[in-house]
Amino acid sequence: MKQAIKPGMKLGITGGIGSGKTSVCRVFNVLGIPVFSADPEAKEVMDNDSTIKREINEIAGKNIYPGGQLNRIELASLIFNDKNLLEKVNSLVHPVVFDNFMHWAEKQTAPYVIMEAAILFESGAYNLVDRVATIVAPLEERISRVTQRNELTRDQVMERIKNQMTDKERIKMSDYVINNSENDMIIPVILRINEDLLTHLNS
């Protein structure tokens, strides 16, 4: 997938739930690389964009913004049980998030920027970036991270993992792989990726 890098280059960072995307992005941040996180951005759009709010209610067939606040639990139970509804909500939200990313990226002055997204491939966001790094971690470690962080049960985490692409599928479409288990040192790998990108930008 490697291709020529152009100025204003963009790196996509992805990985399954609990793989450690936030930790990896923190290291890039320390290196002075700005990170755009697609998931919080999507939440922001769904909470504050009046057109999106109206259309989500239409898709849901009822008001799921009681008191003006999105009832995330109700939306999740609707869309996780109905692929068609999920696709409709995604096709509303993703283009706005992509647009916001492109506007944000234009304003950055770093050598390259990062888009971090759990569903980078599934959403089509990989088309907006020049290269992709996938983060992988052992299943049990991922489950333990998520159950501690999100108060989800093991079964709920497994359900989410089943709904996502497999590591194998992601790796096939990526330029870099970062192993993020308790026993792996992620900093040297991130430094190598950073070096590789800067070398290409400067060549």
C-alpha atoms as a PDB file:
ATOM      1  CA  MET A   1       0.000   0.000   0.000  1.00  0.00           C
ATOM      2  CA  LYS A   2       2.992   2.330   0.387  1.00  0.00           C
ATOM      3  CA  GLN A   3       2.862   5.275  -1.960  1.00  0.00           C
ATOM      4  CA  ALA A   4       4.692   8.533  -2.529  1.00  0.00           C
ATOM      5  CA  ILE A   5       4.228  10.969   0.313  1.00  0.00           C
ATOM      6  CA  LYS A   6       3.161  14.521  -0.407  1.00  0.00           C
ATOM      7  CA  PRO A   7       3.397  17.655   1.745  1.00  0.00           C
ATOM      8  CA  GLY A   8       0.571  17.820   4.262  1.00  0.00           C
ATOM      9  CA  MET A   9       0.862  14.076   4.542  1.00  0.00           C
ATOM     10  CA  LYS A  10      -1.635  12.133   6.642  1.00  0.00           C
ATOM     11  CA  LEU A  11      -1.135   8.956   8.659  1.00  0.00           C
ATOM     12  CA  GLY A  12      -4.146   6.858   9.666  1.00  0.00           C
ATOM     13  CA  ILE A  13      -3.977   4.998  12.972  1.00  0.00           C
ATOM     14  CA  THR A  14      -6.424   2.198  13.654  1.00  0.00           C
ATOM     15  CA  GLY A  15      -6.876  -0.972  15.684  1.00  0.00           C
ATOM     16  CA  GLY A  16      -9.589  -2.966  17.401  1.00  0.00           C
ATOM     17  CA  ILE A  17     -11.233  -1.972  20.662  1.00  0.00           C
ATOM     18  CA  GLY A  18      -8.706  -2.104  23.520  1.00  0.00           C
ATOM     19  CA  SER A  19      -5.666  -2.280  21.216  1.00  0.00           C
ATOM     20  CA  GLY A  20      -4.239   0.927  22.707  1.00  0.00           C
ATOM     21  CA  LYS A  21      -4.778   3.582  20.023  1.00  0.00           C
ATOM     22  CA  THR A  22      -4.857   6.381  22.619  1.00  0.00           C
ATOM     23  CA  SER A  23      -1.487   5.379  24.127  1.00  0.00           C
ATOM     24  CA  VAL A  24       0.152   5.228  20.690  1.00  0.00           C
ATOM     25  CA  CYS A  25      -1.292   8.612  19.693  1.00  0.00           C
ATOM     26  CA  ARG A  26       0.006  10.123  22.936  1.00  0.00           C
ATOM     27  CA  VAL A  27       3.561   9.175  21.926  1.00  0.00           C
ATOM     28  CA  PHE A  28       3.122  10.744  18.468  1.00  0.00           C
ATOM     29  CA  ASN A  29       1.763  13.844  20.210  1.00  0.00           C
ATOM     30  CA  VAL A  30       4.925  14.079  22.307  1.00  0.00           C
ATOM     31  CA  LEU A  31       6.876  14.011  19.021  1.00  0.00           C
ATOM     32  CA  GLY A  32       4.914  17.113  17.966  1.00  0.00           C
ATOM     33  CA  ILE A  33       2.503  15.338  15.616  1.00  0.00           C
ATOM     34  CA  PRO A  34      -1.109  16.583  15.857  1.00  0.00           C
ATOM     35  CA  VAL A  35      -3.795  13.905  16.252  1.00  0.00           C
ATOM     36  CA  PHE A  36      -7.419  14.104  15.111  1.00  0.00           C
ATOM     37  CA  SER A  37      -9.553  11.501  16.889  1.00  0.00           C
ATOM     38  CA  ALA A  38     -12.532  10.520  14.755  1.00  0.00           C
ATOM     39  CA  ASP A  39     -14.646   8.888  17.510  1.00  0.00           C
ATOM     40  CA  PRO A  40     -14.921  11.929  19.845  1.00  0.00           C
ATOM     41  CA  GLU A  41     -15.456  14.085  16.747  1.00  0.00           C
ATOM     42  CA  ALA A  42     -18.372  11.867  15.645  1.00  0.00           C
ATOM     43  CA  LYS A  43     -19.887  12.171  19.137  1.00  0.00           C
ATOM     44  CA  GLU A  44     -19.506  15.947  18.974  1.00  0.00           C
ATOM     45  CA  VAL A  45     -21.249  16.049  15.576  1.00  0.00           C
ATOM     46  CA  MET A  46     -24.116  13.844  16.792  1.00  0.00           C
ATOM     47  CA  ASP A  47     -24.551  15.984  19.918  1.00  0.00           C
ATOM     48  CA  ASN A  48     -24.377  19.430  18.350  1.00  0.00           C
ATOM     49  CA  ASP A  49     -25.189  19.426  14.633  1.00  0.00           C
ATOM     50  CA  SER A  50     -28.914  20.289  14.435  1.00  0.00           C
ATOM     51  CA  THR A  51     -29.351  18.804  10.929  1.00  0.00           C
ATOM     52  CA  ILE A  52     -27.726  15.529  11.989  1.00  0.00           C
ATOM     53  CA  LYS A  53     -29.838  15.418  15.173  1.00  0.00           C
ATOM     54  CA  ARG A  54     -33.046  15.854  13.181  1.00  0.00           C
ATOM     55  CA  GLU A  55     -32.064  13.184  10.671  1.00  0.00           C
ATOM     56  CA  ILE A  56     -30.995  10.705  13.374  1.00  0.00           C
ATOM     57  CA  ASN A  57     -34.444  11.084  14.947  1.00  0.00           C
ATOM     58  CA  GLU A  58     -36.009  10.397  11.539  1.00  0.00           C
ATOM     59  CA  ILE A  59     -33.879   7.254  11.104  1.00  0.00           C
ATOM     60  CA  ALA A  60     -34.729   6.074  14.633  1.00  0.00           C
ATOM     61  CA  GLY A  61     -38.404   6.800  14.058  1.00  0.00           C
ATOM     62  CA  LYS A  62     -38.630   8.609  17.413  1.00  0.00           C
ATOM     63  CA  ASN A  63     -36.981  11.323  19.461  1.00  0.00           C
ATOM     64  CA  ILE A  64     -33.789   9.898  20.925  1.00  0.00           C
ATOM     65  CA  TYR A  65     -32.648  13.309  22.141  1.00  0.00           C
ATOM     66  CA  PRO A  66     -34.768  13.597  25.304  1.00  0.00           C
ATOM     67  CA  GLY A  67     -34.102  17.005  26.833  1.00  0.00           C
ATOM     68  CA  GLY A  68     -31.843  17.753  23.867  1.00  0.00           C
ATOM     69  CA  GLN A  69     -29.269  15.106  24.894  1.00  0.00           C
ATOM     70  CA  LEU A  70     -28.597  12.051  22.726  1.00  0.00           C
ATOM     71  CA  ASN A  71     -29.609   8.829  24.481  1.00  0.00           C
ATOM     72  CA  ARG A  72     -26.528   6.849  23.400  1.00  0.00           C
ATOM     73  CA  ILE A  73     -27.668   3.593  24.998  1.00  0.00           C
ATOM     74  CA  GLU A  74     -30.930   3.655  23.075  1.00  0.00           C
ATOM     75  CA  LEU A  75     -29.194   4.569  19.804  1.00  0.00           C
ATOM     76  CA  ALA A  76     -26.625   1.792  20.318  1.00  0.00           C
ATOM     77  CA  SER A  77     -29.331  -0.813  20.971  1.00  0.00           C
ATOM     78  CA  LEU A  78     -31.156   0.297  17.804  1.00  0.00           C
ATOM     79  CA  ILE A  79     -28.161   0.328  15.457  1.00  0.00           C
ATOM     80  CA  PHE A  80     -26.258  -2.690  16.773  1.00  0.00           C
ATOM     81  CA  ASN A  81     -29.293  -4.850  16.108  1.00  0.00           C
ATOM     82  CA  ASP A  82     -29.969  -3.415  12.659  1.00  0.00           C
ATOM     83  CA  LYS A  83     -27.119  -3.129  10.112  1.00  0.00           C
ATOM     84  CA  ASN A  84     -29.329  -1.042   7.834  1.00  0.00           C
ATOM     85  CA  LEU A  85     -29.914   1.603  10.536  1.00  0.00           C
ATOM     86  CA  LEU A  86     -26.203   1.571  11.421  1.00  0.00           C
ATOM     87  CA  GLU A  87     -25.291   2.256   7.785  1.00  0.00           C
ATOM     88  CA  LYS A  88     -27.818   5.095   7.581  1.00  0.00           C
ATOM     89  CA  VAL A  89     -26.446   6.787  10.717  1.00  0.00           C
ATOM     90  CA  ASN A  90     -22.859   6.289   9.513  1.00  0.00           C
ATOM     91  CA  SER A  91     -23.604   7.747   6.080  1.00  0.00           C
ATOM     92  CA  LEU A  92     -24.904  10.871   7.837  1.00  0.00           C
ATOM     93  CA  VAL A  93     -22.101  11.278  10.364  1.00  0.00           C
ATOM     94  CA  HIS A  94     -18.965  10.106   8.522  1.00  0.00           C
ATOM     95  CA  PRO A  95     -18.974  12.724   5.712  1.00  0.00           C
ATOM     96  CA  VAL A  96     -19.210  15.538   8.301  1.00  0.00           C
ATOM     97  CA  VAL A  97     -16.346  14.037  10.353  1.00  0.00           C
ATOM     98  CA  PHE A  98     -14.216  13.582   7.188  1.00  0.00           C
ATOM     99  CA  ASP A  99     -14.887  17.180   6.191  1.00  0.00           C
ATOM    100  CA  ASN A 100     -13.929  18.437   9.656  1.00  0.00           C
ATOM    101  CA  PHE A 101     -10.724  16.376   9.498  1.00  0.00           C
ATOM    102  CA  MET A 102      -9.696  17.851   6.134  1.00  0.00           C
ATOM    103  CA  HIS A 103     -10.327  21.431   7.349  1.00  0.00           C
ATOM    104  CA  TRP A 104      -8.431  20.724  10.575  1.00  0.00           C
ATOM    105  CA  ALA A 105      -5.496  19.136   8.669  1.00  0.00           C
ATOM    106  CA  GLU A 106      -5.125  22.201   6.427  1.00  0.00           C
ATOM    107  CA  LYS A 107      -4.537  24.393   9.470  1.00  0.00           C
ATOM    108  CA  GLN A 108      -1.737  22.232  10.946  1.00  0.00           C
ATOM    109  CA  THR A 109       1.922  23.144  10.479  1.00  0.00           C
ATOM    110  CA  ALA A 110       3.535  19.832  11.523  1.00  0.00           C
ATOM    111  CA  PRO A 111       5.298  17.701   8.836  1.00  0.00           C
ATOM    112  CA  TYR A 112       2.357  15.280   8.926  1.00  0.00           C
ATOM    113  CA  VAL A 113      -0.882  14.750  10.829  1.00  0.00           C
ATOM    114  CA  ILE A 114      -2.696  11.707  12.218  1.00  0.00           C
ATOM    115  CA  MET A 115      -6.289  10.588  11.918  1.00  0.00           C
ATOM    116  CA  GLU A 116      -7.068   8.052  14.639  1.00  0.00           C
ATOM    117  CA  ALA A 117     -10.190   5.999  13.951  1.00  0.00           C
ATOM    118  CA  ALA A 118     -11.404   2.617  15.173  1.00  0.00           C
ATOM    119  CA  ILE A 119     -13.228   2.019  11.878  1.00  0.00           C
ATOM    120  CA  LEU A 120     -10.707   3.684   9.561  1.00  0.00           C
ATOM    121  CA  PHE A 121     -11.175   1.016   6.874  1.00  0.00           C
ATOM    122  CA  GLU A 122     -14.868   0.270   7.388  1.00  0.00           C
ATOM    123  CA  SER A 123     -15.841   3.955   7.209  1.00  0.00           C
ATOM    124  CA  GLY A 124     -13.750   4.666   4.098  1.00  0.00           C
ATOM    125  CA  ALA A 125     -11.598   7.163   6.061  1.00  0.00           C
ATOM    126  CA  TYR A 126      -8.455   5.327   4.873  1.00  0.00           C
ATOM    127  CA  ASN A 127      -9.029   7.054   1.506  1.00  0.00           C
ATOM    128  CA  LEU A 128      -8.207  10.377   3.184  1.00  0.00           C
ATOM    129  CA  VAL A 129      -4.766   9.280   4.461  1.00  0.00           C
ATOM    130  CA  ASP A 130      -1.471   8.445   2.750  1.00  0.00           C
ATOM    131  CA  ARG A 131      -0.356   5.625   5.019  1.00  0.00           C
ATOM    132  CA  VAL A 132      -1.878   3.473   7.747  1.00  0.00           C
ATOM    133  CA  ALA A 133      -0.532   2.033  11.005  1.00  0.00           C
ATOM    134  CA  THR A 134      -2.527  -0.745  12.667  1.00  0.00           C
ATOM    135  CA  ILE A 135      -2.179  -1.459  16.373  1.00  0.00           C
ATOM    136  CA  VAL A 136      -2.556  -5.038  17.563  1.00  0.00           C
ATOM    137  CA  ALA A 137      -2.632  -6.562  21.046  1.00  0.00           C
ATOM    138  CA  PRO A 138      -3.443 -10.001  22.492  1.00  0.00           C
ATOM    139  CA  LEU A 139      -7.174 -10.642  22.890  1.00  0.00           C
ATOM    140  CA  GLU A 140      -7.104 -11.156  26.674  1.00  0.00           C
ATOM    141  CA  GLU A 141      -5.202  -7.909  27.229  1.00  0.00           C
ATOM    142  CA  ARG A 142      -7.689  -6.024  25.059  1.00  0.00           C
ATOM    143  CA  ILE A 143     -10.651  -7.467  26.976  1.00  0.00           C
ATOM    144  CA  SER A 144      -9.065  -6.613  30.317  1.00  0.00           C
ATOM    145  CA  ARG A 145      -8.280  -3.002  29.217  1.00  0.00           C
ATOM    146  CA  VAL A 146     -11.831  -2.385  28.017  1.00  0.00           C
ATOM    147  CA  THR A 147     -13.636  -4.013  30.960  1.00  0.00           C
ATOM    148  CA  GLN A 148     -11.585  -1.892  33.369  1.00  0.00           C
ATOM    149  CA  ARG A 149     -12.039   1.312  31.381  1.00  0.00           C
ATOM    150  CA  ASN A 150     -15.644   1.129  30.175  1.00  0.00           C
ATOM    151  CA  GLU A 151     -17.388  -0.974  32.798  1.00  0.00           C
ATOM    152  CA  LEU A 152     -18.438  -3.411  30.079  1.00  0.00           C
ATOM    153  CA  THR A 153     -18.747  -7.136  30.668  1.00  0.00           C
ATOM    154  CA  ARG A 154     -16.495  -9.625  28.922  1.00  0.00           C
ATOM    155  CA  ASP A 155     -19.418 -10.682  26.700  1.00  0.00           C
ATOM    156  CA  GLN A 156     -20.144  -7.092  25.693  1.00  0.00           C
ATOM    157  CA  VAL A 157     -16.490  -6.561  24.741  1.00  0.00           C
ATOM    158  CA  MET A 158     -16.445  -9.813  22.736  1.00  0.00           C
ATOM    159  CA  GLU A 159     -19.609  -8.691  20.934  1.00  0.00           C
ATOM    160  CA  ARG A 160     -17.895  -5.456  19.887  1.00  0.00           C
ATOM    161  CA  ILE A 161     -14.743  -7.268  18.804  1.00  0.00           C
ATOM    162  CA  LYS A 162     -16.879  -9.613  16.661  1.00  0.00           C
ATOM    163  CA  ASN A 163     -18.472  -6.597  14.985  1.00  0.00           C
ATOM    164  CA  GLN A 164     -15.090  -5.153  14.004  1.00  0.00           C
ATOM    165  CA  MET A 165     -12.636  -6.175  11.278  1.00  0.00           C
ATOM    166  CA  THR A 166     -10.042  -8.747  12.325  1.00  0.00           C
ATOM    167  CA  ASP A 167      -6.404  -7.774  12.952  1.00  0.00           C
ATOM    168  CA  LYS A 168      -5.455  -9.931   9.979  1.00  0.00           C
ATOM    169  CA  GLU A 169      -7.731  -7.954   7.652  1.00  0.00           C
ATOM    170  CA  ARG A 170      -6.435  -4.628   8.965  1.00  0.00           C
ATOM    171  CA  ILE A 171      -2.771  -5.659   8.720  1.00  0.00           C
ATOM    172  CA  LYS A 172      -3.251  -6.666   5.077  1.00  0.00           C
ATOM    173  CA  MET A 173      -4.293  -3.097   4.261  1.00  0.00           C
ATOM    174  CA  SER A 174      -1.689  -1.328   6.422  1.00  0.00           C
ATOM    175  CA  ASP A 175       1.833  -0.006   5.922  1.00  0.00           C
ATOM    176  CA  TYR A 176       2.944  -0.351   9.546  1.00  0.00           C
ATOM    177  CA  VAL A 177       2.019  -2.628  12.448  1.00  0.00           C
ATOM    178  CA  ILE A 178       2.509  -1.677  16.105  1.00  0.00           C
ATOM    179  CA  ASN A 179       2.386  -4.551  18.615  1.00  0.00           C
ATOM    180  CA  ASN A 180       1.035  -3.156  21.854  1.00  0.00           C
ATOM    181  CA  SER A 181       1.057  -6.000  24.364  1.00  0.00           C
ATOM    182  CA  GLU A 182       2.311  -5.591  27.931  1.00  0.00           C
ATOM    183  CA  ASN A 183       5.622  -7.133  26.814  1.00  0.00           C
ATOM    184  CA  ASP A 184       6.216  -4.928  23.777  1.00  0.00           C
ATOM    185  CA  MET A 185       8.061  -1.632  23.666  1.00  0.00           C
ATOM    186  CA  ILE A 186       5.934   0.660  21.514  1.00  0.00           C
ATOM    187  CA  ILE A 187       8.183   3.747  21.631  1.00  0.00           C
ATOM    188  CA  PRO A 188      11.037   2.367  19.423  1.00  0.00           C
ATOM    189  CA  VAL A 189       8.482   1.243  16.810  1.00  0.00           C
ATOM    190  CA  ILE A 190       6.746   4.641  16.815  1.00  0.00           C
ATOM    191  CA  LEU A 191      10.120   6.389  16.500  1.00  0.00           C
ATOM    192  CA  ARG A 192      10.939   4.194  13.481  1.00  0.00           C
ATOM    193  CA  ILE A 193       7.616   5.029  11.822  1.00  0.00           C
ATOM    194  CA  ASN A 194       8.129   8.736  12.512  1.00  0.00           C
ATOM    195  CA  GLU A 195      11.644   8.520  11.075  1.00  0.00           C
ATOM    196  CA  ASP A 196      10.405   6.675   7.986  1.00  0.00           C
ATOM    197  CA  LEU A 197       7.737   9.312   7.303  1.00  0.00           C
ATOM    198  CA  LEU A 198      10.114  12.232   7.833  1.00  0.00           C
ATOM    199  CA  THR A 199      12.766  10.602   5.608  1.00  0.00           C
ATOM    200  CA  HIS A 200      10.233  10.251   2.789  1.00  0.00           C
ATOM    201  CA  LEU A 201       8.982  13.791   3.279  1.00  0.00           C
ATOM    202  CA  ASN A 202      12.515  15.145   3.098  1.00  0.00           C
ATOM    203  CA  SER A 203      13.718  13.029   0.189  1.00  0.00           C
END
